[in-house]
């Protein structure tokens, strides 16, 4: 990825609604150059899509938690079943497969503590793949919205 590609990625992460003409103007290149570079970045999988950054609280999700889950067995089919089922639940914002003491970490966002408790007891705890889980409430969150390529070591 050269500097022009990196600049395109940076600008589109900041504002994915930039028109091609505005993107080209900010980059100091022809609109056809900007368009071809964006298309190439998309073909290469660097740009995977575009979306809206939505405020969870505006959606009535005032309680967030990270739930570390240890699965009952470590078989690919167990992981896949869990990921497909639990990852599709509306309360789950993000599902991470991790190493260490947990197998999966869920970022969950619900209306309130009562709804979180219901999610944990009535839904998560009833899954046969779950051996145990630990919940940490989220009180604040910062997210780096613009990622840069890292220099190679």
C-alpha atoms as a PDB file:
ATOM      1  CA  UNK A   1       0.000   0.000   0.000  1.00  0.00           C
ATOM      2  CA  UNK A   2       1.532   3.290  -1.059  1.00  0.00           C
ATOM      3  CA  UNK A   3       0.961   6.737   0.464  1.00  0.00           C
ATOM      4  CA  UNK A   4      -1.947   7.540  -1.875  1.00  0.00           C
ATOM      5  CA  UNK A   5      -3.757   4.327  -0.913  1.00  0.00           C
ATOM      6  CA  UNK A   6      -3.114   5.045   2.770  1.00  0.00           C
ATOM      7  CA  UNK A   7      -4.514   8.563   2.350  1.00  0.00           C
ATOM      8  CA  UNK A   8      -7.628   7.216   0.640  1.00  0.00           C
ATOM      9  CA  UNK A   9      -8.213   4.713   3.438  1.00  0.00           C
ATOM     10  CA  UNK A  10      -7.668   7.402   6.095  1.00  0.00           C
ATOM     11  CA  UNK A  11     -10.100   9.838   4.441  1.00  0.00           C
ATOM     12  CA  UNK A  12     -12.803   7.227   3.864  1.00  0.00           C
ATOM     13  CA  UNK A  13     -12.540   6.014   7.463  1.00  0.00           C
ATOM     14  CA  UNK A  14     -13.086   9.597   8.599  1.00  0.00           C
ATOM     15  CA  UNK A  15     -16.031  10.145   6.238  1.00  0.00           C
ATOM     16  CA  UNK A  16     -17.218   7.274   4.068  1.00  0.00           C
ATOM     17  CA  UNK A  17     -19.779   9.565   2.456  1.00  0.00           C
ATOM     18  CA  UNK A  18     -17.146  11.623   0.619  1.00  0.00           C
ATOM     19  CA  UNK A  19     -17.976  11.892  -3.051  1.00  0.00           C
ATOM     20  CA  UNK A  20     -15.319  10.674  -5.446  1.00  0.00           C
ATOM     21  CA  UNK A  21     -14.872  14.258  -6.658  1.00  0.00           C
ATOM     22  CA  UNK A  22     -14.278  15.530  -3.101  1.00  0.00           C
ATOM     23  CA  UNK A  23     -11.953  12.622  -2.344  1.00  0.00           C
ATOM     24  CA  UNK A  24      -9.909  13.445  -5.468  1.00  0.00           C
ATOM     25  CA  UNK A  25      -9.813  17.156  -4.549  1.00  0.00           C
ATOM     26  CA  UNK A  26      -8.507  16.427  -1.046  1.00  0.00           C
ATOM     27  CA  UNK A  27      -5.894  14.042  -2.449  1.00  0.00           C
ATOM     28  CA  UNK A  28      -4.841  16.368  -5.259  1.00  0.00           C
ATOM     29  CA  UNK A  29      -5.437  13.739  -7.960  1.00  0.00           C
ATOM     30  CA  UNK A  30      -7.806  13.333 -10.889  1.00  0.00           C
ATOM     31  CA  UNK A  31     -11.250  11.898 -10.066  1.00  0.00           C
ATOM     32  CA  UNK A  32     -10.517   8.934 -12.363  1.00  0.00           C
ATOM     33  CA  UNK A  33      -7.350   8.173 -10.356  1.00  0.00           C
ATOM     34  CA  UNK A  34      -9.246   8.310  -7.055  1.00  0.00           C
ATOM     35  CA  UNK A  35     -12.020   6.094  -8.410  1.00  0.00           C
ATOM     36  CA  UNK A  36      -9.611   3.479  -9.764  1.00  0.00           C
ATOM     37  CA  UNK A  37      -7.644   3.424  -6.503  1.00  0.00           C
ATOM     38  CA  UNK A  38     -10.816   2.973  -4.420  1.00  0.00           C
ATOM     39  CA  UNK A  39     -11.942   0.168  -6.725  1.00  0.00           C
ATOM     40  CA  UNK A  40      -8.528  -1.511  -6.439  1.00  0.00           C
ATOM     41  CA  UNK A  41      -8.570  -1.207  -2.631  1.00  0.00           C
ATOM     42  CA  UNK A  42     -12.023  -2.794  -2.639  1.00  0.00           C
ATOM     43  CA  UNK A  43     -10.953  -5.643  -4.941  1.00  0.00           C
ATOM     44  CA  UNK A  44      -7.947  -6.328  -2.696  1.00  0.00           C
ATOM     45  CA  UNK A  45     -10.210  -6.467   0.368  1.00  0.00           C
ATOM     46  CA  UNK A  46      -8.656  -3.463   2.092  1.00  0.00           C
ATOM     47  CA  UNK A  47     -12.000  -1.658   1.922  1.00  0.00           C
ATOM     48  CA  UNK A  48     -14.610  -4.213   2.914  1.00  0.00           C
ATOM     49  CA  UNK A  49     -17.675  -2.001   3.027  1.00  0.00           C
ATOM     50  CA  UNK A  50     -19.232   1.200   4.272  1.00  0.00           C
ATOM     51  CA  UNK A  51     -21.501   1.723   7.236  1.00  0.00           C
ATOM     52  CA  UNK A  52     -22.968   4.176   9.700  1.00  0.00           C
ATOM     53  CA  UNK A  53     -21.515   4.731  13.160  1.00  0.00           C
ATOM     54  CA  UNK A  54     -24.587   4.449  15.375  1.00  0.00           C
ATOM     55  CA  UNK A  55     -24.814   5.598  19.006  1.00  0.00           C
ATOM     56  CA  UNK A  56     -25.897   2.583  21.081  1.00  0.00           C
ATOM     57  CA  UNK A  57     -27.581   4.794  23.685  1.00  0.00           C
ATOM     58  CA  UNK A  58     -29.679   6.429  20.963  1.00  0.00           C
ATOM     59  CA  UNK A  59     -30.969   2.917  20.218  1.00  0.00           C
ATOM     60  CA  UNK A  60     -31.968   2.468  23.864  1.00  0.00           C
ATOM     61  CA  UNK A  61     -28.940   0.313  24.697  1.00  0.00           C
ATOM     62  CA  UNK A  62     -27.695   1.982  27.862  1.00  0.00           C
ATOM     63  CA  UNK A  63     -25.965  -1.039  29.414  1.00  0.00           C
ATOM     64  CA  UNK A  64     -22.889  -2.541  27.785  1.00  0.00           C
ATOM     65  CA  UNK A  65     -20.785  -5.452  28.966  1.00  0.00           C
ATOM     66  CA  UNK A  66     -17.920  -7.646  27.895  1.00  0.00           C
ATOM     67  CA  UNK A  67     -18.725 -11.270  28.555  1.00  0.00           C
ATOM     68  CA  UNK A  68     -15.788 -13.704  28.615  1.00  0.00           C
ATOM     69  CA  UNK A  69     -17.032 -17.187  27.759  1.00  0.00           C
ATOM     70  CA  UNK A  70     -15.292 -20.490  28.299  1.00  0.00           C
ATOM     71  CA  UNK A  71     -16.673 -23.234  26.095  1.00  0.00           C
ATOM     72  CA  UNK A  72     -17.342 -26.746  27.392  1.00  0.00           C
ATOM     73  CA  UNK A  73     -15.211 -28.439  24.709  1.00  0.00           C
ATOM     74  CA  UNK A  74     -12.640 -27.242  22.229  1.00  0.00           C
ATOM     75  CA  UNK A  75     -13.829 -28.642  18.935  1.00  0.00           C
ATOM     76  CA  UNK A  76     -14.288 -26.665  15.735  1.00  0.00           C
ATOM     77  CA  UNK A  77     -17.943 -27.689  15.487  1.00  0.00           C
ATOM     78  CA  UNK A  78     -18.590 -26.357  19.017  1.00  0.00           C
ATOM     79  CA  UNK A  79     -16.980 -23.018  18.161  1.00  0.00           C
ATOM     80  CA  UNK A  80     -18.864 -22.742  14.877  1.00  0.00           C
ATOM     81  CA  UNK A  81     -22.249 -23.573  16.387  1.00  0.00           C
ATOM     82  CA  UNK A  82     -21.679 -21.065  19.173  1.00  0.00           C
ATOM     83  CA  UNK A  83     -20.470 -18.333  16.799  1.00  0.00           C
ATOM     84  CA  UNK A  84     -23.337 -18.800  14.360  1.00  0.00           C
ATOM     85  CA  UNK A  85     -26.027 -18.872  17.028  1.00  0.00           C
ATOM     86  CA  UNK A  86     -24.843 -16.390  19.627  1.00  0.00           C
ATOM     87  CA  UNK A  87     -23.239 -14.053  17.070  1.00  0.00           C
ATOM     88  CA  UNK A  88     -26.647 -13.553  15.464  1.00  0.00           C
ATOM     89  CA  UNK A  89     -28.406 -12.543  18.696  1.00  0.00           C
ATOM     90  CA  UNK A  90     -29.475  -8.870  18.608  1.00  0.00           C
ATOM     91  CA  UNK A  91     -27.866  -8.130  21.983  1.00  0.00           C
ATOM     92  CA  UNK A  92     -24.417  -9.115  20.689  1.00  0.00           C
ATOM     93  CA  UNK A  93     -22.568  -6.191  19.097  1.00  0.00           C
ATOM     94  CA  UNK A  94     -19.301  -8.047  18.480  1.00  0.00           C
ATOM     95  CA  UNK A  95     -18.060 -11.588  19.030  1.00  0.00           C
ATOM     96  CA  UNK A  96     -14.330 -12.197  19.414  1.00  0.00           C
ATOM     97  CA  UNK A  97     -12.687 -15.631  19.368  1.00  0.00           C
ATOM     98  CA  UNK A  98      -9.697 -15.245  21.695  1.00  0.00           C
ATOM     99  CA  UNK A  99      -6.880 -17.114  23.386  1.00  0.00           C
ATOM    100  CA  UNK A 100      -6.118 -17.297  27.088  1.00  0.00           C
ATOM    101  CA  UNK A 101      -8.516 -18.117  29.890  1.00  0.00           C
ATOM    102  CA  UNK A 102     -11.575 -17.489  27.714  1.00  0.00           C
ATOM    103  CA  UNK A 103     -12.499 -18.849  24.327  1.00  0.00           C
ATOM    104  CA  UNK A 104     -14.889 -16.103  23.241  1.00  0.00           C
ATOM    105  CA  UNK A 105     -15.528 -12.525  24.348  1.00  0.00           C
ATOM    106  CA  UNK A 106     -18.895 -10.949  23.596  1.00  0.00           C
ATOM    107  CA  UNK A 107     -19.552  -7.223  23.480  1.00  0.00           C
ATOM    108  CA  UNK A 108     -23.192  -6.997  24.525  1.00  0.00           C
ATOM    109  CA  UNK A 109     -25.418  -3.902  24.556  1.00  0.00           C
ATOM    110  CA  UNK A 110     -28.902  -3.966  26.103  1.00  0.00           C
ATOM    111  CA  UNK A 111     -31.438  -1.596  27.664  1.00  0.00           C
ATOM    112  CA  UNK A 112     -30.420  -1.896  31.313  1.00  0.00           C
ATOM    113  CA  UNK A 113     -28.893  -4.123  34.001  1.00  0.00           C
ATOM    114  CA  UNK A 114     -32.092  -6.143  34.295  1.00  0.00           C
ATOM    115  CA  UNK A 115     -32.014  -6.948  30.583  1.00  0.00           C
ATOM    116  CA  UNK A 116     -28.326  -7.857  30.867  1.00  0.00           C
ATOM    117  CA  UNK A 117     -29.113 -10.253  33.696  1.00  0.00           C
ATOM    118  CA  UNK A 118     -31.912 -11.829  31.633  1.00  0.00           C
ATOM    119  CA  UNK A 119     -29.579 -12.174  28.651  1.00  0.00           C
ATOM    120  CA  UNK A 120     -26.930 -13.895  30.770  1.00  0.00           C
ATOM    121  CA  UNK A 121     -29.212 -16.214  32.747  1.00  0.00           C
ATOM    122  CA  UNK A 122     -31.990 -16.973  30.270  1.00  0.00           C
ATOM    123  CA  UNK A 123     -30.050 -17.071  27.025  1.00  0.00           C
ATOM    124  CA  UNK A 124     -26.293 -17.445  27.405  1.00  0.00           C
ATOM    125  CA  UNK A 125     -26.260 -19.793  30.405  1.00  0.00           C
ATOM    126  CA  UNK A 126     -28.696 -22.157  28.682  1.00  0.00           C
ATOM    127  CA  UNK A 127     -26.372 -22.788  25.718  1.00  0.00           C
ATOM    128  CA  UNK A 128     -24.935 -26.315  25.925  1.00  0.00           C
ATOM    129  CA  UNK A 129     -21.548 -25.088  24.611  1.00  0.00           C
ATOM    130  CA  UNK A 130     -21.039 -22.743  27.581  1.00  0.00           C
ATOM    131  CA  UNK A 131     -19.029 -24.077  30.525  1.00  0.00           C
ATOM    132  CA  UNK A 132     -18.801 -20.735  32.357  1.00  0.00           C
ATOM    133  CA  UNK A 133     -18.693 -17.003  31.756  1.00  0.00           C
ATOM    134  CA  UNK A 134     -17.608 -13.810  33.467  1.00  0.00           C
ATOM    135  CA  UNK A 135     -19.154 -10.407  32.869  1.00  0.00           C
ATOM    136  CA  UNK A 136     -17.525  -6.971  33.039  1.00  0.00           C
ATOM    137  CA  UNK A 137     -19.714  -3.876  32.731  1.00  0.00           C
ATOM    138  CA  UNK A 138     -18.509  -1.227  30.297  1.00  0.00           C
ATOM    139  CA  UNK A 139     -18.593   2.289  31.769  1.00  0.00           C
ATOM    140  CA  UNK A 140     -16.881   4.068  28.899  1.00  0.00           C
ATOM    141  CA  UNK A 141     -15.571   3.296  25.451  1.00  0.00           C
ATOM    142  CA  UNK A 142     -13.179   4.992  23.061  1.00  0.00           C
ATOM    143  CA  UNK A 143     -12.759   3.713  19.548  1.00  0.00           C
ATOM    144  CA  UNK A 144      -9.982   4.624  17.133  1.00  0.00           C
ATOM    145  CA  UNK A 145     -12.000   5.215  13.970  1.00  0.00           C
ATOM    146  CA  UNK A 146      -9.051   5.940  11.697  1.00  0.00           C
ATOM    147  CA  UNK A 147      -6.448   3.196  11.425  1.00  0.00           C
ATOM    148  CA  UNK A 148      -3.119   3.675   9.688  1.00  0.00           C
ATOM    149  CA  UNK A 149      -0.955   0.971   8.151  1.00  0.00           C
ATOM    150  CA  UNK A 150       1.755  -0.007  10.631  1.00  0.00           C
ATOM    151  CA  UNK A 151       5.368   0.350   9.650  1.00  0.00           C
ATOM    152  CA  UNK A 152       7.022  -2.970   8.981  1.00  0.00           C
ATOM    153  CA  UNK A 153       9.571  -3.937  11.610  1.00  0.00           C
END
